[in-house]
Amino acid sequence: MKVKKYQWYKIADSESELVFLPNNMLVTEAGGKKITIIKHNNSLMACTYACPHAGGILSEGHVDASGNVVCPIHRYKFSLQNGRNVSGEGYYLTTLPVEVREDGIFAGIEQKGFFNF
């Protein structure tokens, strides 16, 4: 099994610095890339900025009761746990690990080679 390697980027010194929209989402940058940070059930999660289907800005969507991020354009749903498309269209969303550490909040971007995401 391949072990994933992450480059960790500090996104805030503490959770109080994160200014969430009413839908508990926000856009920030990590490693020069826009990402979406989501607060759900008192946990912080992250995924790519745009929907893999039609490029909808995910922070303009919402998280449903099952913990799936819902794209604002076509309402495609993606699991925040593994990125799988749970509404049946076959797309896959890149999710990112988030770690809350003593020195801040960090998002990890997998190092795949020359191009990431």
PDB file of N, CA and C in Angstrom:
ATOM      1  N   MET A   1       0.834  -1.180   0.000  1.00  0.00           N
ATOM      2  CA  MET A   1       0.000   0.000   0.000  1.00  0.00           C
ATOM      3  C   MET A   1       0.880   1.246   0.000  1.00  0.00           C
ATOM      4  N   LYS A   2       0.531   2.187  -0.859  1.00  0.00           N
ATOM      5  CA  LYS A   2       1.292   3.416  -0.975  1.00  0.00           C
ATOM      6  C   LYS A   2       0.981   4.336   0.215  1.00  0.00           C
ATOM      7  N   VAL A   3       2.020   4.852   0.848  1.00  0.00           N
ATOM      8  CA  VAL A   3       1.867   5.797   1.951  1.00  0.00           C
ATOM      9  C   VAL A   3       1.816   7.203   1.363  1.00  0.00           C
ATOM     10  N   LYS A   4       0.774   7.939   1.724  1.00  0.00           N
ATOM     11  CA  LYS A   4       0.641   9.298   1.224  1.00  0.00           C
ATOM     12  C   LYS A   4       1.580  10.225   1.972  1.00  0.00           C
ATOM     13  N   LYS A   5       2.222  11.122   1.221  1.00  0.00           N
ATOM     14  CA  LYS A   5       3.089  12.136   1.809  1.00  0.00           C
ATOM     15  C   LYS A   5       2.404  13.480   1.653  1.00  0.00           C
ATOM     16  N   TYR A   6       2.367  14.223   2.751  1.00  0.00           N
ATOM     17  CA  TYR A   6       1.708  15.522   2.736  1.00  0.00           C
ATOM     18  C   TYR A   6       2.698  16.639   3.017  1.00  0.00           C
ATOM     19  N   GLN A   7       2.459  17.747   2.354  1.00  0.00           N
ATOM     20  CA  GLN A   7       3.106  19.002   2.697  1.00  0.00           C
ATOM     21  C   GLN A   7       2.077  19.754   3.526  1.00  0.00           C
ATOM     22  N   TRP A   8       2.455  20.170   4.734  1.00  0.00           N
ATOM     23  CA  TRP A   8       1.528  20.811   5.648  1.00  0.00           C
ATOM     24  C   TRP A   8       1.670  22.319   5.581  1.00  0.00           C
ATOM     25  N   TYR A   9       0.520  22.998   5.515  1.00  0.00           N
ATOM     26  CA  TYR A   9       0.481  24.454   5.415  1.00  0.00           C
ATOM     27  C   TYR A   9      -0.361  25.015   6.556  1.00  0.00           C
ATOM     28  N   LYS A  10       0.196  25.986   7.234  1.00  0.00           N
ATOM     29  CA  LYS A  10      -0.526  26.620   8.330  1.00  0.00           C
ATOM     30  C   LYS A  10      -1.590  27.537   7.745  1.00  0.00           C
ATOM     31  N   ILE A  11      -2.837  27.355   8.188  1.00  0.00           N
ATOM     32  CA  ILE A  11      -3.928  28.184   7.680  1.00  0.00           C
ATOM     33  C   ILE A  11      -4.436  29.171   8.728  1.00  0.00           C
ATOM     34  N   ALA A  12      -4.091  28.947  10.006  1.00  0.00           N
ATOM     35  CA  ALA A  12      -4.502  29.873  11.067  1.00  0.00           C
ATOM     36  C   ALA A  12      -3.720  29.550  12.330  1.00  0.00           C
ATOM     37  N   ASP A  13      -3.585  30.549  13.190  1.00  0.00           N
ATOM     38  CA  ASP A  13      -2.955  30.311  14.490  1.00  0.00           C
ATOM     39  C   ASP A  13      -3.897  29.576  15.436  1.00  0.00           C
ATOM     40  N   SER A  14      -5.207  29.841  15.274  1.00  0.00           N
ATOM     41  CA  SER A  14      -6.210  29.177  16.113  1.00  0.00           C
ATOM     42  C   SER A  14      -7.546  29.196  15.377  1.00  0.00           C
ATOM     43  N   GLU A  15      -8.490  28.407  15.868  1.00  0.00           N
ATOM     44  CA  GLU A  15      -9.794  28.344  15.218  1.00  0.00           C
ATOM     45  C   GLU A  15     -10.531  29.677  15.283  1.00  0.00           C
ATOM     46  N   SER A  16     -10.246  30.476  16.311  1.00  0.00           N
ATOM     47  CA  SER A  16     -10.919  31.772  16.441  1.00  0.00           C
ATOM     48  C   SER A  16     -10.564  32.721  15.300  1.00  0.00           C
ATOM     49  N   GLU A  17      -9.460  32.477  14.585  1.00  0.00           N
ATOM     50  CA  GLU A  17      -9.080  33.290  13.431  1.00  0.00           C
ATOM     51  C   GLU A  17      -9.878  32.941  12.176  1.00  0.00           C
ATOM     52  N   LEU A  18     -10.480  31.771  12.164  1.00  0.00           N
ATOM     53  CA  LEU A  18     -11.220  31.328  10.986  1.00  0.00           C
ATOM     54  C   LEU A  18     -12.609  31.960  10.995  1.00  0.00           C
ATOM     55  N   VAL A  19     -12.910  32.723   9.968  1.00  0.00           N
ATOM     56  CA  VAL A  19     -14.196  33.411   9.869  1.00  0.00           C
ATOM     57  C   VAL A  19     -15.075  32.632   8.886  1.00  0.00           C
ATOM     58  N   PHE A  20     -15.969  31.839   9.444  1.00  0.00           N
ATOM     59  CA  PHE A  20     -16.828  30.987   8.628  1.00  0.00           C
ATOM     60  C   PHE A  20     -18.050  31.756   8.127  1.00  0.00           C
ATOM     61  N   LEU A  21     -18.497  31.394   6.944  1.00  0.00           N
ATOM     62  CA  LEU A  21     -19.759  31.891   6.411  1.00  0.00           C
ATOM     63  C   LEU A  21     -20.889  31.242   7.218  1.00  0.00           C
ATOM     64  N   PRO A  22     -22.129  31.693   7.070  1.00  0.00           N
ATOM     65  CA  PRO A  22     -23.239  31.077   7.804  1.00  0.00           C
ATOM     66  C   PRO A  22     -23.405  29.562   7.552  1.00  0.00           C
ATOM     67  N   ASN A  23     -22.894  29.073   6.416  1.00  0.00           N
ATOM     68  CA  ASN A  23     -22.978  27.642   6.108  1.00  0.00           C
ATOM     69  C   ASN A  23     -21.815  26.842   6.699  1.00  0.00           C
ATOM     70  N   ASN A  24     -21.034  27.464   7.588  1.00  0.00           N
ATOM     71  CA  ASN A  24     -19.871  26.831   8.236  1.00  0.00           C
ATOM     72  C   ASN A  24     -18.767  26.442   7.263  1.00  0.00           C
ATOM     73  N   MET A  25     -18.594  27.227   6.219  1.00  0.00           N
ATOM     74  CA  MET A  25     -17.523  27.019   5.251  1.00  0.00           C
ATOM     75  C   MET A  25     -16.766  28.320   5.061  1.00  0.00           C
ATOM     76  N   LEU A  26     -15.531  28.199   4.584  1.00  0.00           N
ATOM     77  CA  LEU A  26     -14.739  29.361   4.209  1.00  0.00           C
ATOM     78  C   LEU A  26     -13.721  28.949   3.168  1.00  0.00           C
ATOM     79  N   VAL A  27     -13.186  29.939   2.476  1.00  0.00           N
ATOM     80  CA  VAL A  27     -12.132  29.715   1.487  1.00  0.00           C
ATOM     81  C   VAL A  27     -10.850  30.292   2.046  1.00  0.00           C
ATOM     82  N   THR A  28      -9.775  29.532   1.922  1.00  0.00           N
ATOM     83  CA  THR A  28      -8.456  30.014   2.314  1.00  0.00           C
ATOM     84  C   THR A  28      -7.451  29.483   1.309  1.00  0.00           C
ATOM     85  N   GLU A  29      -6.193  29.738   1.574  1.00  0.00           N
ATOM     86  CA  GLU A  29      -5.139  29.293   0.668  1.00  0.00           C
ATOM     87  C   GLU A  29      -4.149  28.424   1.419  1.00  0.00           C
ATOM     88  N   ALA A  30      -3.686  27.394   0.745  1.00  0.00           N
ATOM     89  CA  ALA A  30      -2.641  26.524   1.286  1.00  0.00           C
ATOM     90  C   ALA A  30      -1.729  26.126   0.132  1.00  0.00           C
ATOM     91  N   GLY A  31      -0.472  26.434   0.255  1.00  0.00           N
ATOM     92  CA  GLY A  31       0.479  26.076  -0.794  1.00  0.00           C
ATOM     93  C   GLY A  31       0.176  26.726  -2.130  1.00  0.00           C
ATOM     94  N   GLY A  32      -0.377  27.931  -2.108  1.00  0.00           N
ATOM     95  CA  GLY A  32      -0.687  28.633  -3.341  1.00  0.00           C
ATOM     96  C   GLY A  32      -1.968  28.174  -4.017  1.00  0.00           C
ATOM     97  N   LYS A  33      -2.742  27.316  -3.352  1.00  0.00           N
ATOM     98  CA  LYS A  33      -3.996  26.813  -3.910  1.00  0.00           C
ATOM     99  C   LYS A  33      -5.165  27.224  -3.020  1.00  0.00           C
ATOM    100  N   LYS A  34      -6.273  27.590  -3.646  1.00  0.00           N
ATOM    101  CA  LYS A  34      -7.482  27.864  -2.883  1.00  0.00           C
ATOM    102  C   LYS A  34      -8.070  26.541  -2.412  1.00  0.00           C
ATOM    103  N   ILE A  35      -8.465  26.495  -1.134  1.00  0.00           N
ATOM    104  CA  ILE A  35      -9.113  25.307  -0.590  1.00  0.00           C
ATOM    105  C   ILE A  35     -10.339  25.739   0.217  1.00  0.00           C
ATOM    106  N   THR A  36     -11.225  24.804   0.458  1.00  0.00           N
ATOM    107  CA  THR A  36     -12.424  25.035   1.247  1.00  0.00           C
ATOM    108  C   THR A  36     -12.242  24.382   2.611  1.00  0.00           C
ATOM    109  N   ILE A  37     -12.462  25.149   3.666  1.00  0.00           N
ATOM    110  CA  ILE A  37     -12.427  24.627   5.033  1.00  0.00           C
ATOM    111  C   ILE A  37     -13.873  24.540   5.514  1.00  0.00           C
ATOM    112  N   ILE A  38     -14.207  23.439   6.154  1.00  0.00           N
ATOM    113  CA  ILE A  38     -15.575  23.184   6.592  1.00  0.00           C
ATOM    114  C   ILE A  38     -15.566  22.809   8.065  1.00  0.00           C
ATOM    115  N   LYS A  39     -16.480  23.398   8.809  1.00  0.00           N
ATOM    116  CA  LYS A  39     -16.668  23.005  10.201  1.00  0.00           C
ATOM    117  C   LYS A  39     -17.982  22.236  10.277  1.00  0.00           C
ATOM    118  N   HIS A  40     -17.881  20.973  10.687  1.00  0.00           N
ATOM    119  CA  HIS A  40     -19.069  20.116  10.778  1.00  0.00           C
ATOM    120  C   HIS A  40     -18.953  19.250  12.027  1.00  0.00           C
ATOM    121  N   ASN A  41     -19.965  19.291  12.860  1.00  0.00           N
ATOM    122  CA  ASN A  41     -19.968  18.533  14.125  1.00  0.00           C
ATOM    123  C   ASN A  41     -18.719  18.820  14.950  1.00  0.00           C
ATOM    124  N   ASN A  42     -18.347  20.094  15.034  1.00  0.00           N
ATOM    125  CA  ASN A  42     -17.184  20.548  15.801  1.00  0.00           C
ATOM    126  C   ASN A  42     -15.854  19.996  15.300  1.00  0.00           C
ATOM    127  N   SER A  43     -15.815  19.523  14.067  1.00  0.00           N
ATOM    128  CA  SER A  43     -14.575  19.070  13.441  1.00  0.00           C
ATOM    129  C   SER A  43     -14.259  19.955  12.254  1.00  0.00           C
ATOM    130  N   LEU A  44     -12.974  20.135  11.993  1.00  0.00           N
ATOM    131  CA  LEU A  44     -12.540  20.877  10.817  1.00  0.00           C
ATOM    132  C   LEU A  44     -12.137  19.890   9.734  1.00  0.00           C
ATOM    133  N   MET A  45     -12.628  20.117   8.518  1.00  0.00           N
ATOM    134  CA  MET A  45     -12.309  19.290   7.361  1.00  0.00           C
ATOM    135  C   MET A  45     -11.964  20.214   6.203  1.00  0.00           C
ATOM    136  N   ALA A  46     -11.377  19.659   5.178  1.00  0.00           N
ATOM    137  CA  ALA A  46     -11.007  20.482   4.026  1.00  0.00           C
ATOM    138  C   ALA A  46     -11.163  19.686   2.739  1.00  0.00           C
ATOM    139  N   CYS A  47     -11.390  20.429   1.664  1.00  0.00           N
ATOM    140  CA  CYS A  47     -11.469  19.834   0.336  1.00  0.00           C
ATOM    141  C   CYS A  47     -11.040  20.895  -0.677  1.00  0.00           C
ATOM    142  N   THR A  48     -11.022  20.512  -1.927  1.00  0.00           N
ATOM    143  CA  THR A  48     -10.656  21.459  -2.966  1.00  0.00           C
ATOM    144  C   THR A  48     -11.671  22.595  -3.039  1.00  0.00           C
ATOM    145  N   TYR A  49     -11.304  23.639  -3.702  1.00  0.00           N
ATOM    146  CA  TYR A  49     -12.107  24.850  -3.822  1.00  0.00           C
ATOM    147  C   TYR A  49     -13.347  24.647  -4.703  1.00  0.00           C
ATOM    148  N   ALA A  50     -13.176  23.889  -5.789  1.00  0.00           N
ATOM    149  CA  ALA A  50     -14.230  23.761  -6.793  1.00  0.00           C
ATOM    150  C   ALA A  50     -14.702  22.328  -6.952  1.00  0.00           C
ATOM    151  N   CYS A  51     -15.955  22.191  -7.345  1.00  0.00           N
ATOM    152  CA  CYS A  51     -16.543  20.885  -7.625  1.00  0.00           C
ATOM    153  C   CYS A  51     -15.859  20.278  -8.858  1.00  0.00           C
ATOM    154  N   PRO A  52     -15.553  18.978  -8.829  1.00  0.00           N
ATOM    155  CA  PRO A  52     -14.893  18.357  -9.983  1.00  0.00           C
ATOM    156  C   PRO A  52     -15.795  18.216 -11.207  1.00  0.00           C
ATOM    157  N   HIS A  53     -17.098  18.408 -11.039  1.00  0.00           N
ATOM    158  CA  HIS A  53     -18.017  18.269 -12.171  1.00  0.00           C
ATOM    159  C   HIS A  53     -18.057  19.522 -13.043  1.00  0.00           C
ATOM    160  N   ALA A  54     -18.526  20.624 -12.470  1.00  0.00           N
ATOM    161  CA  ALA A  54     -18.695  21.833 -13.284  1.00  0.00           C
ATOM    162  C   ALA A  54     -17.997  23.059 -12.692  1.00  0.00           C
ATOM    163  N   GLY A  55     -17.148  22.847 -11.693  1.00  0.00           N
ATOM    164  CA  GLY A  55     -16.368  23.946 -11.151  1.00  0.00           C
ATOM    165  C   GLY A  55     -17.096  24.852 -10.178  1.00  0.00           C
ATOM    166  N   GLY A  56     -18.234  24.403  -9.654  1.00  0.00           N
ATOM    167  CA  GLY A  56     -18.957  25.214  -8.669  1.00  0.00           C
ATOM    168  C   GLY A  56     -18.096  25.477  -7.445  1.00  0.00           C
ATOM    169  N   ILE A  57     -18.192  26.666  -6.893  1.00  0.00           N
ATOM    170  CA  ILE A  57     -17.407  27.024  -5.713  1.00  0.00           C
ATOM    171  C   ILE A  57     -18.070  26.367  -4.502  1.00  0.00           C
ATOM    172  N   LEU A  58     -17.401  25.377  -3.937  1.00  0.00           N
ATOM    173  CA  LEU A  58     -18.016  24.554  -2.904  1.00  0.00           C
ATOM    174  C   LEU A  58     -18.404  25.334  -1.655  1.00  0.00           C
ATOM    175  N   SER A  59     -17.689  26.395  -1.330  1.00  0.00           N
ATOM    176  CA  SER A  59     -18.030  27.178  -0.141  1.00  0.00           C
ATOM    177  C   SER A  59     -19.360  27.916  -0.302  1.00  0.00           C
ATOM    178  N   GLU A  60     -19.895  27.940  -1.508  1.00  0.00           N
ATOM    179  CA  GLU A  60     -21.209  28.540  -1.747  1.00  0.00           C
ATOM    180  C   GLU A  60     -22.321  27.500  -1.641  1.00  0.00           C
ATOM    181  N   GLY A  61     -21.939  26.252  -1.382  1.00  0.00           N
ATOM    182  CA  GLY A  61     -22.908  25.169  -1.199  1.00  0.00           C
ATOM    183  C   GLY A  61     -23.228  25.007   0.279  1.00  0.00           C
ATOM    184  N   HIS A  62     -23.388  23.766   0.694  1.00  0.00           N
ATOM    185  CA  HIS A  62     -23.665  23.495   2.106  1.00  0.00           C
ATOM    186  C   HIS A  62     -23.262  22.067   2.439  1.00  0.00           C
ATOM    187  N   VAL A  63     -23.317  21.748   3.727  1.00  0.00           N
ATOM    188  CA  VAL A  63     -23.077  20.384   4.194  1.00  0.00           C
ATOM    189  C   VAL A  63     -24.430  19.843   4.641  1.00  0.00           C
ATOM    190  N   ASP A  64     -24.806  18.666   4.124  1.00  0.00           N
ATOM    191  CA  ASP A  64     -26.098  18.099   4.490  1.00  0.00           C
ATOM    192  C   ASP A  64     -26.023  17.384   5.845  1.00  0.00           C
ATOM    193  N   ALA A  65     -27.135  16.869   6.298  1.00  0.00           N
ATOM    194  CA  ALA A  65     -27.228  16.222   7.613  1.00  0.00           C
ATOM    195  C   ALA A  65     -26.333  14.991   7.725  1.00  0.00           C
ATOM    196  N   SER A  66     -25.990  14.378   6.598  1.00  0.00           N
ATOM    197  CA  SER A  66     -25.123  13.189   6.597  1.00  0.00           C
ATOM    198  C   SER A  66     -23.643  13.539   6.562  1.00  0.00           C
ATOM    199  N   GLY A  67     -23.321  14.827   6.483  1.00  0.00           N
ATOM    200  CA  GLY A  67     -21.927  15.240   6.447  1.00  0.00           C
ATOM    201  C   GLY A  67     -21.323  15.252   5.060  1.00  0.00           C
ATOM    202  N   ASN A  68     -22.157  15.383   4.033  1.00  0.00           N
ATOM    203  CA  ASN A  68     -21.683  15.470   2.655  1.00  0.00           C
ATOM    204  C   ASN A  68     -21.684  16.925   2.213  1.00  0.00           C
ATOM    205  N   VAL A  69     -20.638  17.327   1.495  1.00  0.00           N
ATOM    206  CA  VAL A  69     -20.621  18.678   0.936  1.00  0.00           C
ATOM    207  C   VAL A  69     -21.456  18.637  -0.341  1.00  0.00           C
ATOM    208  N   VAL A  70     -22.316  19.647  -0.507  1.00  0.00           N
ATOM    209  CA  VAL A  70     -23.237  19.699  -1.634  1.00  0.00           C
ATOM    210  C   VAL A  70     -22.871  20.887  -2.520  1.00  0.00           C
ATOM    211  N   CYS A  71     -22.593  20.603  -3.776  1.00  0.00           N
ATOM    212  CA  CYS A  71     -22.223  21.648  -4.734  1.00  0.00           C
ATOM    213  C   CYS A  71     -23.413  22.574  -4.980  1.00  0.00           C
ATOM    214  N   PRO A  72     -23.168  23.897  -5.057  1.00  0.00           N
ATOM    215  CA  PRO A  72     -24.271  24.832  -5.258  1.00  0.00           C
ATOM    216  C   PRO A  72     -24.865  24.828  -6.665  1.00  0.00           C
ATOM    217  N   ILE A  73     -24.175  24.264  -7.649  1.00  0.00           N
ATOM    218  CA  ILE A  73     -24.676  24.340  -9.025  1.00  0.00           C
ATOM    219  C   ILE A  73     -25.661  23.213  -9.341  1.00  0.00           C
ATOM    220  N   HIS A  74     -25.210  21.964  -9.244  1.00  0.00           N
ATOM    221  CA  HIS A  74     -26.056  20.827  -9.621  1.00  0.00           C
ATOM    222  C   HIS A  74     -26.447  19.941  -8.438  1.00  0.00           C
ATOM    223  N   ARG A  75     -26.053  20.355  -7.235  1.00  0.00           N
ATOM    224  CA  ARG A  75     -26.396  19.635  -5.998  1.00  0.00           C
ATOM    225  C   ARG A  75     -25.748  18.248  -5.913  1.00  0.00           C
ATOM    226  N   TYR A  76     -24.631  18.063  -6.606  1.00  0.00           N
ATOM    227  CA  TYR A  76     -23.884  16.816  -6.446  1.00  0.00           C
ATOM    228  C   TYR A  76     -23.362  16.768  -5.022  1.00  0.00           C
ATOM    229  N   LYS A  77     -23.365  15.576  -4.429  1.00  0.00           N
ATOM    230  CA  LYS A  77     -22.953  15.408  -3.035  1.00  0.00           C
ATOM    231  C   LYS A  77     -21.684  14.571  -2.957  1.00  0.00           C
ATOM    232  N   PHE A  78     -20.784  14.991  -2.055  1.00  0.00           N
ATOM    233  CA  PHE A  78     -19.505  14.313  -1.888  1.00  0.00           C
ATOM    234  C   PHE A  78     -19.248  14.067  -0.407  1.00  0.00           C
ATOM    235  N   SER A  79     -18.794  12.869  -0.084  1.00  0.00           N
ATOM    236  CA  SER A  79     -18.436  12.533   1.288  1.00  0.00           C
ATOM    237  C   SER A  79     -17.192  13.311   1.694  1.00  0.00           C
ATOM    238  N   LEU A  80     -17.246  13.935   2.853  1.00  0.00           N
ATOM    239  CA  LEU A  80     -16.063  14.633   3.361  1.00  0.00           C
ATOM    240  C   LEU A  80     -15.061  13.651   3.961  1.00  0.00           C
ATOM    241  N   GLN A  81     -15.473  12.429   4.169  1.00  0.00           N
ATOM    242  CA  GLN A  81     -14.565  11.428   4.722  1.00  0.00           C
ATOM    243  C   GLN A  81     -13.617  10.863   3.666  1.00  0.00           C
ATOM    244  N   ASN A  82     -14.129  10.637   2.447  1.00  0.00           N
ATOM    245  CA  ASN A  82     -13.289   9.992   1.434  1.00  0.00           C
ATOM    246  C   ASN A  82     -13.390  10.624   0.043  1.00  0.00           C
ATOM    247  N   GLY A  83     -14.212  11.653  -0.132  1.00  0.00           N
ATOM    248  CA  GLY A  83     -14.331  12.336  -1.412  1.00  0.00           C
ATOM    249  C   GLY A  83     -15.250  11.675  -2.422  1.00  0.00           C
ATOM    250  N   ARG A  84     -15.811  10.522  -2.075  1.00  0.00           N
ATOM    251  CA  ARG A  84     -16.675   9.828  -3.031  1.00  0.00           C
ATOM    252  C   ARG A  84     -17.955  10.604  -3.302  1.00  0.00           C
ATOM    253  N   ASN A  85     -18.372  10.540  -4.551  1.00  0.00           N
ATOM    254  CA  ASN A  85     -19.633  11.148  -4.962  1.00  0.00           C
ATOM    255  C   ASN A  85     -20.761  10.224  -4.503  1.00  0.00           C
ATOM    256  N   VAL A  86     -21.585  10.696  -3.567  1.00  0.00           N
ATOM    257  CA  VAL A  86     -22.620   9.841  -2.988  1.00  0.00           C
ATOM    258  C   VAL A  86     -23.979  10.019  -3.651  1.00  0.00           C
ATOM    259  N   SER A  87     -24.079  10.950  -4.616  1.00  0.00           N
ATOM    260  CA  SER A  87     -25.350  11.135  -5.308  1.00  0.00           C
ATOM    261  C   SER A  87     -25.374  10.402  -6.650  1.00  0.00           C
ATOM    262  N   GLY A  88     -24.318   9.624  -6.952  1.00  0.00           N
ATOM    263  CA  GLY A  88     -24.351   8.694  -8.070  1.00  0.00           C
ATOM    264  C   GLY A  88     -23.806   9.151  -9.403  1.00  0.00           C
ATOM    265  N   GLU A  89     -23.207  10.323  -9.493  1.00  0.00           N
ATOM    266  CA  GLU A  89     -22.731  10.802 -10.789  1.00  0.00           C
ATOM    267  C   GLU A  89     -21.328  10.314 -11.154  1.00  0.00           C
ATOM    268  N   GLY A  90     -20.592   9.765 -10.208  1.00  0.00           N
ATOM    269  CA  GLY A  90     -19.301   9.163 -10.512  1.00  0.00           C
ATOM    270  C   GLY A  90     -18.084  10.055 -10.391  1.00  0.00           C
ATOM    271  N   TYR A  91     -18.226  11.264  -9.890  1.00  0.00           N
ATOM    272  CA  TYR A  91     -17.084  12.156  -9.723  1.00  0.00           C
ATOM    273  C   TYR A  91     -16.425  11.905  -8.373  1.00  0.00           C
ATOM    274  N   TYR A  92     -15.229  12.438  -8.211  1.00  0.00           N
ATOM    275  CA  TYR A  92     -14.477  12.247  -6.979  1.00  0.00           C
ATOM    276  C   TYR A  92     -13.887  13.577  -6.550  1.00  0.00           C
ATOM    277  N   LEU A  93     -14.128  13.957  -5.304  1.00  0.00           N
ATOM    278  CA  LEU A  93     -13.652  15.216  -4.745  1.00  0.00           C
ATOM    279  C   LEU A  93     -12.382  14.962  -3.932  1.00  0.00           C
ATOM    280  N   THR A  94     -11.385  15.792  -4.114  1.00  0.00           N
ATOM    281  CA  THR A  94     -10.171  15.658  -3.315  1.00  0.00           C
ATOM    282  C   THR A  94     -10.415  16.269  -1.941  1.00  0.00           C
ATOM    283  N   THR A  95     -10.281  15.434  -0.910  1.00  0.00           N
ATOM    284  CA  THR A  95     -10.383  15.911   0.465  1.00  0.00           C
ATOM    285  C   THR A  95      -8.975  16.045   1.023  1.00  0.00           C
ATOM    286  N   LEU A  96      -8.824  16.923   2.007  1.00  0.00           N
ATOM    287  CA  LEU A  96      -7.515  17.207   2.582  1.00  0.00           C
ATOM    288  C   LEU A  96      -7.565  17.009   4.089  1.00  0.00           C
ATOM    289  N   PRO A  97      -6.504  16.456   4.663  1.00  0.00           N
ATOM    290  CA  PRO A  97      -6.483  16.330   6.122  1.00  0.00           C
ATOM    291  C   PRO A  97      -6.253  17.693   6.782  1.00  0.00           C
ATOM    292  N   VAL A  98      -6.843  17.857   7.953  1.00  0.00           N
ATOM    293  CA  VAL A  98      -6.658  19.071   8.754  1.00  0.00           C
ATOM    294  C   VAL A  98      -6.179  18.635  10.125  1.00  0.00           C
ATOM    295  N   GLU A  99      -5.158  19.287  10.627  1.00  0.00           N
ATOM    296  CA  GLU A  99      -4.645  18.994  11.968  1.00  0.00           C
ATOM    297  C   GLU A  99      -4.652  20.264  12.805  1.00  0.00           C
ATOM    298  N   VAL A 100      -5.195  20.131  14.018  1.00  0.00           N
ATOM    299  CA  VAL A 100      -5.141  21.210  14.989  1.00  0.00           C
ATOM    300  C   VAL A 100      -3.984  20.895  15.920  1.00  0.00           C
ATOM    301  N   ARG A 101      -2.981  21.762  15.895  1.00  0.00           N
ATOM    302  CA  ARG A 101      -1.770  21.555  16.695  1.00  0.00           C
ATOM    303  C   ARG A 101      -1.621  22.700  17.687  1.00  0.00           C
ATOM    304  N   GLU A 102      -0.664  22.556  18.583  1.00  0.00           N
ATOM    305  CA  GLU A 102      -0.400  23.624  19.554  1.00  0.00           C
ATOM    306  C   GLU A 102      -0.038  24.936  18.876  1.00  0.00           C
ATOM    307  N   ASP A 103       0.681  24.850  17.750  1.00  0.00           N
ATOM    308  CA  ASP A 103       1.146  26.062  17.076  1.00  0.00           C
ATOM    309  C   ASP A 103       0.251  26.499  15.923  1.00  0.00           C
ATOM    310  N   GLY A 104      -0.947  25.922  15.789  1.00  0.00           N
ATOM    311  CA  GLY A 104      -1.870  26.384  14.771  1.00  0.00           C
ATOM    312  C   GLY A 104      -2.682  25.291  14.122  1.00  0.00           C
ATOM    313  N   ILE A 105      -3.395  25.683  13.077  1.00  0.00           N
ATOM    314  CA  ILE A 105      -4.221  24.764  12.301  1.00  0.00           C
ATOM    315  C   ILE A 105      -3.576  24.602  10.938  1.00  0.00           C
ATOM    316  N   PHE A 106      -3.411  23.351  10.522  1.00  0.00           N
ATOM    317  CA  PHE A 106      -2.691  23.027   9.307  1.00  0.00           C
ATOM    318  C   PHE A 106      -3.539  22.172   8.374  1.00  0.00           C
ATOM    319  N   ALA A 107      -3.403  22.427   7.067  1.00  0.00           N
ATOM    320  CA  ALA A 107      -4.028  21.600   6.040  1.00  0.00           C
ATOM    321  C   ALA A 107      -2.920  20.899   5.282  1.00  0.00           C
ATOM    322  N   GLY A 108      -3.139  19.624   4.971  1.00  0.00           N
ATOM    323  CA  GLY A 108      -2.141  18.840   4.251  1.00  0.00           C
ATOM    324  C   GLY A 108      -2.523  18.662   2.793  1.00  0.00           C
ATOM    325  N   ILE A 109      -1.562  18.920   1.920  1.00  0.00           N
ATOM    326  CA  ILE A 109      -1.759  18.689   0.493  1.00  0.00           C
ATOM    327  C   ILE A 109      -0.827  17.557   0.090  1.00  0.00           C
ATOM    328  N   GLU A 110      -1.426  16.515  -0.483  1.00  0.00           N
ATOM    329  CA  GLU A 110      -0.647  15.339  -0.878  1.00  0.00           C
ATOM    330  C   GLU A 110       0.360  15.709  -1.961  1.00  0.00           C
ATOM    331  N   GLN A 111       1.570  15.239  -1.782  1.00  0.00           N
ATOM    332  CA  GLN A 111       2.636  15.480  -2.754  1.00  0.00           C
ATOM    333  C   GLN A 111       2.649  14.322  -3.736  1.00  0.00           C
ATOM    334  N   LYS A 112       2.153  14.570  -4.946  1.00  0.00           N
ATOM    335  CA  LYS A 112       2.019  13.529  -5.964  1.00  0.00           C
ATOM    336  C   LYS A 112       3.072  13.634  -7.056  1.00  0.00           C
ATOM    337  N   GLY A 113       3.812  14.696  -7.053  1.00  0.00           N
ATOM    338  CA  GLY A 113       4.771  14.914  -8.130  1.00  0.00           C
ATOM    339  C   GLY A 113       4.730  16.364  -8.557  1.00  0.00           C
ATOM    340  N   PHE A 114       4.934  16.593  -9.832  1.00  0.00           N
ATOM    341  CA  PHE A 114       5.015  17.965 -10.329  1.00  0.00           C
ATOM    342  C   PHE A 114       3.696  18.718 -10.184  1.00  0.00           C
ATOM    343  N   PHE A 115       2.580  18.055 -10.512  1.00  0.00           N
ATOM    344  CA  PHE A 115       1.268  18.690 -10.393  1.00  0.00           C
ATOM    345  C   PHE A 115       0.522  18.060  -9.234  1.00  0.00           C
ATOM    346  N   ASN A 116      -0.121  18.898  -8.420  1.00  0.00           N
ATOM    347  CA  ASN A 116      -0.941  18.401  -7.309  1.00  0.00           C
ATOM    348  C   ASN A 116      -2.391  18.735  -7.596  1.00  0.00           C
ATOM    349  N   PHE A 117      -3.289  18.024  -6.944  1.00  0.00           N
ATOM    350  CA  PHE A 117      -4.747  18.087  -7.109  1.00  0.00           C
ATOM    351  C   PHE A 117      -5.076  17.399  -8.398  1.00  0.00           C
TER     352      PHE A 117
END
